[in-house]
Amino acid sequence: CTPVEYAERLGWLGPDVWLAHAVHLDDHAVGR
């Protein structure tokens, strides 16, 4: 999967998370 999909799978997206860089994002990742 993509890095953002991997992060979401592990519970690593949310209002208490900030991610460094986030350079390579597709539209779905930006939306998530």
PDB file of all heavy atoms in Angstrom:
ATOM      1  N   CYS A   1       0.837  -1.191   0.000  1.00  0.00           N
ATOM      2  CA  CYS A   1       0.000   0.000   0.000  1.00  0.00           C
ATOM      3  C   CYS A   1       0.878   1.249   0.000  1.00  0.00           C
ATOM      4  O   CYS A   1       2.106   1.157   0.136  1.00  0.00           O
ATOM      5  CB  CYS A   1      -0.928   0.011   1.220  1.00  0.00           C
ATOM      6  SG  CYS A   1      -0.040  -0.015   2.798  1.00  0.00           S
ATOM      7  N   THR A   2       0.267   2.412  -0.131  1.00  0.00           N
ATOM      8  CA  THR A   2       0.998   3.673  -0.073  1.00  0.00           C
ATOM      9  C   THR A   2       1.345   4.016   1.380  1.00  0.00           C
ATOM     10  O   THR A   2       0.754   3.452   2.322  1.00  0.00           O
ATOM     11  CB  THR A   2       0.168   4.820  -0.655  1.00  0.00           C
ATOM     12  OG1 THR A   2      -0.940   5.071   0.221  1.00  0.00           O
ATOM     13  CG2 THR A   2      -0.332   4.496  -2.048  1.00  0.00           C
ATOM     14  N   PRO A   3       2.258   4.950   1.610  1.00  0.00           N
ATOM     15  CA  PRO A   3       2.573   5.344   2.990  1.00  0.00           C
ATOM     16  C   PRO A   3       1.365   5.836   3.778  1.00  0.00           C
ATOM     17  O   PRO A   3       1.212   5.487   4.959  1.00  0.00           O
ATOM     18  CB  PRO A   3       3.613   6.455   2.797  1.00  0.00           C
ATOM     19  CG  PRO A   3       4.308   6.097   1.528  1.00  0.00           C
ATOM     20  CD  PRO A   3       3.232   5.549   0.646  1.00  0.00           C
ATOM     21  N   VAL A   4       0.502   6.637   3.155  1.00  0.00           N
ATOM     22  CA  VAL A   4      -0.666   7.140   3.894  1.00  0.00           C
ATOM     23  C   VAL A   4      -1.639   6.005   4.206  1.00  0.00           C
ATOM     24  O   VAL A   4      -2.224   5.940   5.301  1.00  0.00           O
ATOM     25  CB  VAL A   4      -1.350   8.281   3.119  1.00  0.00           C
ATOM     26  CG1 VAL A   4      -2.712   8.629   3.732  1.00  0.00           C
ATOM     27  CG2 VAL A   4      -0.453   9.523   3.112  1.00  0.00           C
ATOM     28  N   GLU A   5      -1.835   5.100   3.271  1.00  0.00           N
ATOM     29  CA  GLU A   5      -2.686   3.934   3.557  1.00  0.00           C
ATOM     30  C   GLU A   5      -2.105   3.097   4.687  1.00  0.00           C
ATOM     31  O   GLU A   5      -2.847   2.593   5.550  1.00  0.00           O
ATOM     32  CB  GLU A   5      -2.838   3.099   2.294  1.00  0.00           C
ATOM     33  CG  GLU A   5      -3.702   3.763   1.223  1.00  0.00           C
ATOM     34  CD  GLU A   5      -3.626   3.055  -0.126  1.00  0.00           C
ATOM     35  OE1 GLU A   5      -2.650   2.289  -0.351  1.00  0.00           O
ATOM     36  OE2 GLU A   5      -4.521   3.281  -0.957  1.00  0.00           O
ATOM     37  N   TYR A   6      -0.797   2.954   4.696  1.00  0.00           N
ATOM     38  CA  TYR A   6      -0.130   2.206   5.770  1.00  0.00           C
ATOM     39  C   TYR A   6      -0.337   2.908   7.112  1.00  0.00           C
ATOM     40  O   TYR A   6      -0.669   2.257   8.122  1.00  0.00           O
ATOM     41  CB  TYR A   6       1.355   2.090   5.440  1.00  0.00           C
ATOM     42  CG  TYR A   6       2.188   1.363   6.466  1.00  0.00           C
ATOM     43  CD1 TYR A   6       1.929   0.047   6.804  1.00  0.00           C
ATOM     44  CD2 TYR A   6       3.259   2.012   7.088  1.00  0.00           C
ATOM     45  CE1 TYR A   6       2.703  -0.627   7.738  1.00  0.00           C
ATOM     46  CE2 TYR A   6       4.046   1.355   8.025  1.00  0.00           C
ATOM     47  CZ  TYR A   6       3.767   0.032   8.344  1.00  0.00           C
ATOM     48  OH  TYR A   6       4.542  -0.623   9.272  1.00  0.00           O
ATOM     49  N   ALA A   7      -0.155   4.218   7.137  1.00  0.00           N
ATOM     50  CA  ALA A   7      -0.352   4.963   8.380  1.00  0.00           C
ATOM     51  C   ALA A   7      -1.778   4.814   8.894  1.00  0.00           C
ATOM     52  O   ALA A   7      -2.010   4.585  10.094  1.00  0.00           O
ATOM     53  CB  ALA A   7      -0.016   6.435   8.160  1.00  0.00           C
ATOM     54  N   GLU A   8      -2.745   4.902   7.987  1.00  0.00           N
ATOM     55  CA  GLU A   8      -4.135   4.787   8.420  1.00  0.00           C
ATOM     56  C   GLU A   8      -4.429   3.383   8.938  1.00  0.00           C
ATOM     57  O   GLU A   8      -5.145   3.210   9.938  1.00  0.00           O
ATOM     58  CB  GLU A   8      -5.077   5.138   7.274  1.00  0.00           C
ATOM     59  CG  GLU A   8      -6.533   5.162   7.696  1.00  0.00           C
ATOM     60  CD  GLU A   8      -7.413   5.918   6.733  1.00  0.00           C
ATOM     61  OE1 GLU A   8      -7.081   5.967   5.524  1.00  0.00           O
ATOM     62  OE2 GLU A   8      -8.444   6.459   7.169  1.00  0.00           O
ATOM     63  N   ARG A   9      -3.855   2.384   8.308  1.00  0.00           N
ATOM     64  CA  ARG A   9      -4.040   1.003   8.751  1.00  0.00           C
ATOM     65  C   ARG A   9      -3.561   0.812  10.197  1.00  0.00           C
ATOM     66  O   ARG A   9      -4.135   0.026  10.962  1.00  0.00           O
ATOM     67  CB  ARG A   9      -3.271   0.075   7.813  1.00  0.00           C
ATOM     68  CG  ARG A   9      -3.387  -1.399   8.132  1.00  0.00           C
ATOM     69  CD  ARG A   9      -2.426  -2.213   7.261  1.00  0.00           C
ATOM     70  NE  ARG A   9      -2.661  -2.044   5.826  1.00  0.00           N
ATOM     71  CZ  ARG A   9      -1.863  -2.527   4.882  1.00  0.00           C
ATOM     72  NH1 ARG A   9      -0.756  -3.194   5.211  1.00  0.00           N
ATOM     73  NH2 ARG A   9      -2.147  -2.336   3.609  1.00  0.00           N
ATOM     74  N   LEU A  10      -2.521   1.540  10.576  1.00  0.00           N
ATOM     75  CA  LEU A  10      -1.930   1.390  11.908  1.00  0.00           C
ATOM     76  C   LEU A  10      -2.484   2.383  12.927  1.00  0.00           C
ATOM     77  O   LEU A  10      -1.988   2.450  14.058  1.00  0.00           O
ATOM     78  CB  LEU A  10      -0.410   1.561  11.817  1.00  0.00           C
ATOM     79  CG  LEU A  10       0.333   0.560  10.925  1.00  0.00           C
ATOM     80  CD1 LEU A  10       1.819   0.879  10.907  1.00  0.00           C
ATOM     81  CD2 LEU A  10       0.095  -0.865  11.399  1.00  0.00           C
ATOM     82  N   GLY A  11      -3.500   3.163  12.547  1.00  0.00           N
ATOM     83  CA  GLY A  11      -4.078   4.126  13.484  1.00  0.00           C
ATOM     84  C   GLY A  11      -3.297   5.415  13.581  1.00  0.00           C
ATOM     85  O   GLY A  11      -3.395   6.126  14.585  1.00  0.00           O
ATOM     86  N   TRP A  12      -2.568   5.749  12.523  1.00  0.00           N
ATOM     87  CA  TRP A  12      -1.684   6.908  12.552  1.00  0.00           C
ATOM     88  C   TRP A  12      -2.205   8.088  11.741  1.00  0.00           C
ATOM     89  O   TRP A  12      -1.427   8.898  11.247  1.00  0.00           O
ATOM     90  CB  TRP A  12      -0.289   6.501  12.088  1.00  0.00           C
ATOM     91  CG  TRP A  12       0.579   6.147  13.257  1.00  0.00           C
ATOM     92  CD1 TRP A  12       0.627   4.966  13.926  1.00  0.00           C
ATOM     93  CD2 TRP A  12       1.522   7.008  13.898  1.00  0.00           C
ATOM     94  NE1 TRP A  12       1.540   5.028  14.953  1.00  0.00           N
ATOM     95  CE2 TRP A  12       2.104   6.280  14.957  1.00  0.00           C
ATOM     96  CE3 TRP A  12       1.931   8.326  13.686  1.00  0.00           C
ATOM     97  CZ2 TRP A  12       3.071   6.821  15.805  1.00  0.00           C
ATOM     98  CZ3 TRP A  12       2.893   8.870  14.530  1.00  0.00           C
ATOM     99  CH2 TRP A  12       3.449   8.121  15.576  1.00  0.00           C
ATOM    100  N   LEU A  13      -3.512   8.204  11.595  1.00  0.00           N
ATOM    101  CA  LEU A  13      -4.112   9.430  11.091  1.00  0.00           C
ATOM    102  C   LEU A  13      -5.087   9.930  12.138  1.00  0.00           C
ATOM    103  O   LEU A  13      -5.758   9.147  12.805  1.00  0.00           O
ATOM    104  CB  LEU A  13      -4.841   9.199   9.770  1.00  0.00           C
ATOM    105  CG  LEU A  13      -4.017   8.720   8.572  1.00  0.00           C
ATOM    106  CD1 LEU A  13      -4.892   8.660   7.326  1.00  0.00           C
ATOM    107  CD2 LEU A  13      -2.789   9.575   8.326  1.00  0.00           C
ATOM    108  N   GLY A  14      -5.174  11.258  12.293  1.00  0.00           N
ATOM    109  CA  GLY A  14      -6.098  11.821  13.260  1.00  0.00           C
ATOM    110  C   GLY A  14      -5.691  13.219  13.664  1.00  0.00           C
ATOM    111  O   GLY A  14      -4.587  13.684  13.340  1.00  0.00           O
ATOM    112  N   PRO A  15      -6.555  13.927  14.391  1.00  0.00           N
ATOM    113  CA  PRO A  15      -6.274  15.314  14.779  1.00  0.00           C
ATOM    114  C   PRO A  15      -5.145  15.452  15.794  1.00  0.00           C
ATOM    115  O   PRO A  15      -4.705  16.573  16.064  1.00  0.00           O
ATOM    116  CB  PRO A  15      -7.611  15.787  15.371  1.00  0.00           C
ATOM    117  CG  PRO A  15      -8.302  14.530  15.797  1.00  0.00           C
ATOM    118  CD  PRO A  15      -7.897  13.482  14.810  1.00  0.00           C
ATOM    119  N   ASP A  16      -4.678  14.344  16.347  1.00  0.00           N
ATOM    120  CA  ASP A  16      -3.547  14.384  17.281  1.00  0.00           C
ATOM    121  C   ASP A  16      -2.234  13.987  16.606  1.00  0.00           C
ATOM    122  O   ASP A  16      -1.223  13.768  17.284  1.00  0.00           O
ATOM    123  CB  ASP A  16      -3.813  13.466  18.482  1.00  0.00           C
ATOM    124  CG  ASP A  16      -4.137  12.029  18.080  1.00  0.00           C
ATOM    125  OD1 ASP A  16      -4.298  11.764  16.867  1.00  0.00           O
ATOM    126  OD2 ASP A  16      -4.255  11.176  18.985  1.00  0.00           O
ATOM    127  N   VAL A  17      -2.219  13.900  15.274  1.00  0.00           N
ATOM    128  CA  VAL A  17      -1.041  13.458  14.518  1.00  0.00           C
ATOM    129  C   VAL A  17      -0.561  14.589  13.614  1.00  0.00           C
ATOM    130  O   VAL A  17      -1.377  15.236  12.946  1.00  0.00           O
ATOM    131  CB  VAL A  17      -1.368  12.230  13.646  1.00  0.00           C
ATOM    132  CG1 VAL A  17      -0.152  11.804  12.827  1.00  0.00           C
ATOM    133  CG2 VAL A  17      -1.878  11.068  14.502  1.00  0.00           C
ATOM    134  N   TRP A  18       0.756  14.824  13.597  1.00  0.00           N
ATOM    135  CA  TRP A  18       1.321  15.651  12.532  1.00  0.00           C
ATOM    136  C   TRP A  18       2.465  14.891  11.880  1.00  0.00           C
ATOM    137  O   TRP A  18       3.254  14.247  12.532  1.00  0.00           O
ATOM    138  CB  TRP A  18       1.698  17.044  13.028  1.00  0.00           C
ATOM    139  CG  TRP A  18       3.039  17.275  13.634  1.00  0.00           C
ATOM    140  CD1 TRP A  18       4.132  17.842  13.028  1.00  0.00           C
ATOM    141  CD2 TRP A  18       3.453  17.014  14.990  1.00  0.00           C
ATOM    142  NE1 TRP A  18       5.181  17.950  13.906  1.00  0.00           N
ATOM    143  CE2 TRP A  18       4.800  17.448  15.115  1.00  0.00           C
ATOM    144  CE3 TRP A  18       2.822  16.451  16.119  1.00  0.00           C
ATOM    145  CZ2 TRP A  18       5.512  17.338  16.306  1.00  0.00           C
ATOM    146  CZ3 TRP A  18       3.534  16.337  17.297  1.00  0.00           C
ATOM    147  CH2 TRP A  18       4.850  16.779  17.383  1.00  0.00           C
ATOM    148  N   LEU A  19       2.490  14.937  10.555  1.00  0.00           N
ATOM    149  CA  LEU A  19       3.410  14.151   9.740  1.00  0.00           C
ATOM    150  C   LEU A  19       4.470  15.055   9.119  1.00  0.00           C
ATOM    151  O   LEU A  19       4.144  16.122   8.592  1.00  0.00           O
ATOM    152  CB  LEU A  19       2.649  13.437   8.623  1.00  0.00           C
ATOM    153  CG  LEU A  19       1.490  12.540   9.052  1.00  0.00           C
ATOM    154  CD1 LEU A  19       0.702  12.084   7.823  1.00  0.00           C
ATOM    155  CD2 LEU A  19       1.997  11.339   9.842  1.00  0.00           C
ATOM    156  N   ALA A  20       5.714  14.617   9.164  1.00  0.00           N
ATOM    157  CA  ALA A  20       6.792  15.375   8.532  1.00  0.00           C
ATOM    158  C   ALA A  20       6.861  15.061   7.043  1.00  0.00           C
ATOM    159  O   ALA A  20       6.841  13.897   6.645  1.00  0.00           O
ATOM    160  CB  ALA A  20       8.125  15.054   9.194  1.00  0.00           C
ATOM    161  N   HIS A  21       6.904  16.092   6.240  1.00  0.00           N
ATOM    162  CA  HIS A  21       7.147  16.078   4.791  1.00  0.00           C
ATOM    163  C   HIS A  21       5.880  15.888   3.963  1.00  0.00           C
ATOM    164  O   HIS A  21       5.447  16.809   3.294  1.00  0.00           O
ATOM    165  CB  HIS A  21       8.222  15.053   4.416  1.00  0.00           C
ATOM    166  CG  HIS A  21       9.506  15.262   5.123  1.00  0.00           C
ATOM    167  ND1 HIS A  21      10.279  16.386   4.932  1.00  0.00           N
ATOM    168  CD2 HIS A  21      10.151  14.514   6.062  1.00  0.00           C
ATOM    169  CE1 HIS A  21      11.349  16.323   5.705  1.00  0.00           C
ATOM    170  NE2 HIS A  21      11.291  15.202   6.411  1.00  0.00           N
ATOM    171  N   ALA A  22       5.333  14.682   3.905  1.00  0.00           N
ATOM    172  CA  ALA A  22       4.118  14.428   3.109  1.00  0.00           C
ATOM    173  C   ALA A  22       4.261  14.999   1.700  1.00  0.00           C
ATOM    174  O   ALA A  22       3.392  15.715   1.204  1.00  0.00           O
ATOM    175  CB  ALA A  22       2.892  15.001   3.818  1.00  0.00           C
ATOM    176  N   VAL A  23       5.343  14.660   1.048  1.00  0.00           N
ATOM    177  CA  VAL A  23       5.626  15.178  -0.294  1.00  0.00           C
ATOM    178  C   VAL A  23       4.872  14.390  -1.362  1.00  0.00           C
ATOM    179  O   VAL A  23       4.236  14.968  -2.248  1.00  0.00           O
ATOM    180  CB  VAL A  23       7.145  15.137  -0.580  1.00  0.00           C
ATOM    181  CG1 VAL A  23       7.434  15.526  -2.031  1.00  0.00           C
ATOM    182  CG2 VAL A  23       7.893  16.049   0.387  1.00  0.00           C
ATOM    183  N   HIS A  24       4.937  13.065  -1.271  1.00  0.00           N
ATOM    184  CA  HIS A  24       4.398  12.210  -2.337  1.00  0.00           C
ATOM    185  C   HIS A  24       3.009  11.709  -1.948  1.00  0.00           C
ATOM    186  O   HIS A  24       2.845  10.635  -1.366  1.00  0.00           O
ATOM    187  CB  HIS A  24       5.370  11.066  -2.622  1.00  0.00           C
ATOM    188  CG  HIS A  24       6.669  11.553  -3.177  1.00  0.00           C
ATOM    189  ND1 HIS A  24       6.855  11.828  -4.515  1.00  0.00           N
ATOM    190  CD2 HIS A  24       7.823  11.878  -2.561  1.00  0.00           C
ATOM    191  CE1 HIS A  24       8.084  12.280  -4.697  1.00  0.00           C
ATOM    192  NE2 HIS A  24       8.690  12.318  -3.537  1.00  0.00           N
ATOM    193  N   LEU A  25       2.015  12.530  -2.267  1.00  0.00           N
ATOM    194  CA  LEU A  25       0.627  12.230  -1.940  1.00  0.00           C
ATOM    195  C   LEU A  25      -0.210  12.241  -3.211  1.00  0.00           C
ATOM    196  O   LEU A  25      -0.108  13.171  -4.021  1.00  0.00           O
ATOM    197  CB  LEU A  25       0.058  13.281  -0.981  1.00  0.00           C
ATOM    198  CG  LEU A  25       0.797  13.530   0.341  1.00  0.00           C
ATOM    199  CD1 LEU A  25       0.103  14.661   1.098  1.00  0.00           C
ATOM    200  CD2 LEU A  25       0.845  12.267   1.193  1.00  0.00           C
ATOM    201  N   ASP A  26      -1.052  11.222  -3.382  1.00  0.00           N
ATOM    202  CA  ASP A  26      -2.045  11.289  -4.447  1.00  0.00           C
ATOM    203  C   ASP A  26      -3.301  11.979  -3.901  1.00  0.00           C
ATOM    204  O   ASP A  26      -3.373  12.345  -2.721  1.00  0.00           O
ATOM    205  CB  ASP A  26      -2.348   9.905  -5.010  1.00  0.00           C
ATOM    206  CG  ASP A  26      -2.837   8.909  -3.953  1.00  0.00           C
ATOM    207  OD1 ASP A  26      -3.331   9.349  -2.884  1.00  0.00           O
ATOM    208  OD2 ASP A  26      -2.725   7.691  -4.194  1.00  0.00           O
ATOM    209  N   ASP A  27      -4.294  12.172  -4.745  1.00  0.00           N
ATOM    210  CA  ASP A  27      -5.495  12.890  -4.320  1.00  0.00           C
ATOM    211  C   ASP A  27      -6.204  12.177  -3.170  1.00  0.00           C
ATOM    212  O   ASP A  27      -6.745  12.821  -2.263  1.00  0.00           O
ATOM    213  CB  ASP A  27      -6.461  13.047  -5.499  1.00  0.00           C
ATOM    214  CG  ASP A  27      -5.948  14.022  -6.547  1.00  0.00           C
ATOM    215  OD1 ASP A  27      -5.004  14.783  -6.252  1.00  0.00           O
ATOM    216  OD2 ASP A  27      -6.500  14.017  -7.671  1.00  0.00           O
ATOM    217  N   HIS A  28      -6.211  10.855  -3.218  1.00  0.00           N
ATOM    218  CA  HIS A  28      -6.854  10.100  -2.137  1.00  0.00           C
ATOM    219  C   HIS A  28      -6.155  10.359  -0.810  1.00  0.00           C
ATOM    220  O   HIS A  28      -6.823  10.544   0.223  1.00  0.00           O
ATOM    221  CB  HIS A  28      -6.831   8.598  -2.468  1.00  0.00           C
ATOM    222  CG  HIS A  28      -7.373   7.740  -1.366  1.00  0.00           C
ATOM    223  ND1 HIS A  28      -8.724   7.650  -1.080  1.00  0.00           N
ATOM    224  CD2 HIS A  28      -6.734   6.941  -0.453  1.00  0.00           C
ATOM    225  CE1 HIS A  28      -8.903   6.834  -0.054  1.00  0.00           C
ATOM    226  NE2 HIS A  28      -7.720   6.387   0.343  1.00  0.00           N
ATOM    227  N   ALA A  29      -4.831  10.404  -0.824  1.00  0.00           N
ATOM    228  CA  ALA A  29      -4.078  10.640   0.404  1.00  0.00           C
ATOM    229  C   ALA A  29      -4.365  12.034   0.958  1.00  0.00           C
ATOM    230  O   ALA A  29      -4.568  12.202   2.171  1.00  0.00           O
ATOM    231  CB  ALA A  29      -2.588  10.464   0.143  1.00  0.00           C
ATOM    232  N   VAL A  30      -4.393  13.039   0.088  1.00  0.00           N
ATOM    233  CA  VAL A  30      -4.722  14.394   0.537  1.00  0.00           C
ATOM    234  C   VAL A  30      -6.108  14.397   1.190  1.00  0.00           C
ATOM    235  O   VAL A  30      -6.316  14.991   2.256  1.00  0.00           O
ATOM    236  CB  VAL A  30      -4.676  15.384  -0.645  1.00  0.00           C
ATOM    237  CG1 VAL A  30      -5.226  16.752  -0.227  1.00  0.00           C
ATOM    238  CG2 VAL A  30      -3.248  15.533  -1.162  1.00  0.00           C
ATOM    239  N   GLY A  31      -7.048  13.712   0.577  1.00  0.00           N
ATOM    240  CA  GLY A  31      -8.385  13.641   1.128  1.00  0.00           C
ATOM    241  C   GLY A  31      -8.451  12.957   2.476  1.00  0.00           C
ATOM    242  O   GLY A  31      -9.201  13.383   3.364  1.00  0.00           O
ATOM    243  N   ARG A  32      -7.653  11.909   2.668  1.00  0.00           N
ATOM    244  CA  ARG A  32      -7.661  11.206   3.948  1.00  0.00           C
ATOM    245  C   ARG A  32      -7.038  12.063   5.056  1.00  0.00           C
ATOM    246  O   ARG A  32      -7.516  12.052   6.190  1.00  0.00           O
ATOM    247  CB  ARG A  32      -6.906   9.880   3.827  1.00  0.00           C
ATOM    248  CG  ARG A  32      -7.570   8.840   2.944  1.00  0.00           C
ATOM    249  CD  ARG A  32      -9.049   8.655   3.300  1.00  0.00           C
ATOM    250  NE  ARG A  32      -9.215   8.212   4.690  1.00  0.00           N
ATOM    251  CZ  ARG A  32     -10.286   8.487   5.436  1.00  0.00           C
ATOM    252  NH1 ARG A  32     -11.283   9.228   4.960  1.00  0.00           N
ATOM    253  NH2 ARG A  32     -10.362   8.026   6.682  1.00  0.00           N
TER     254      ARG A  32
END
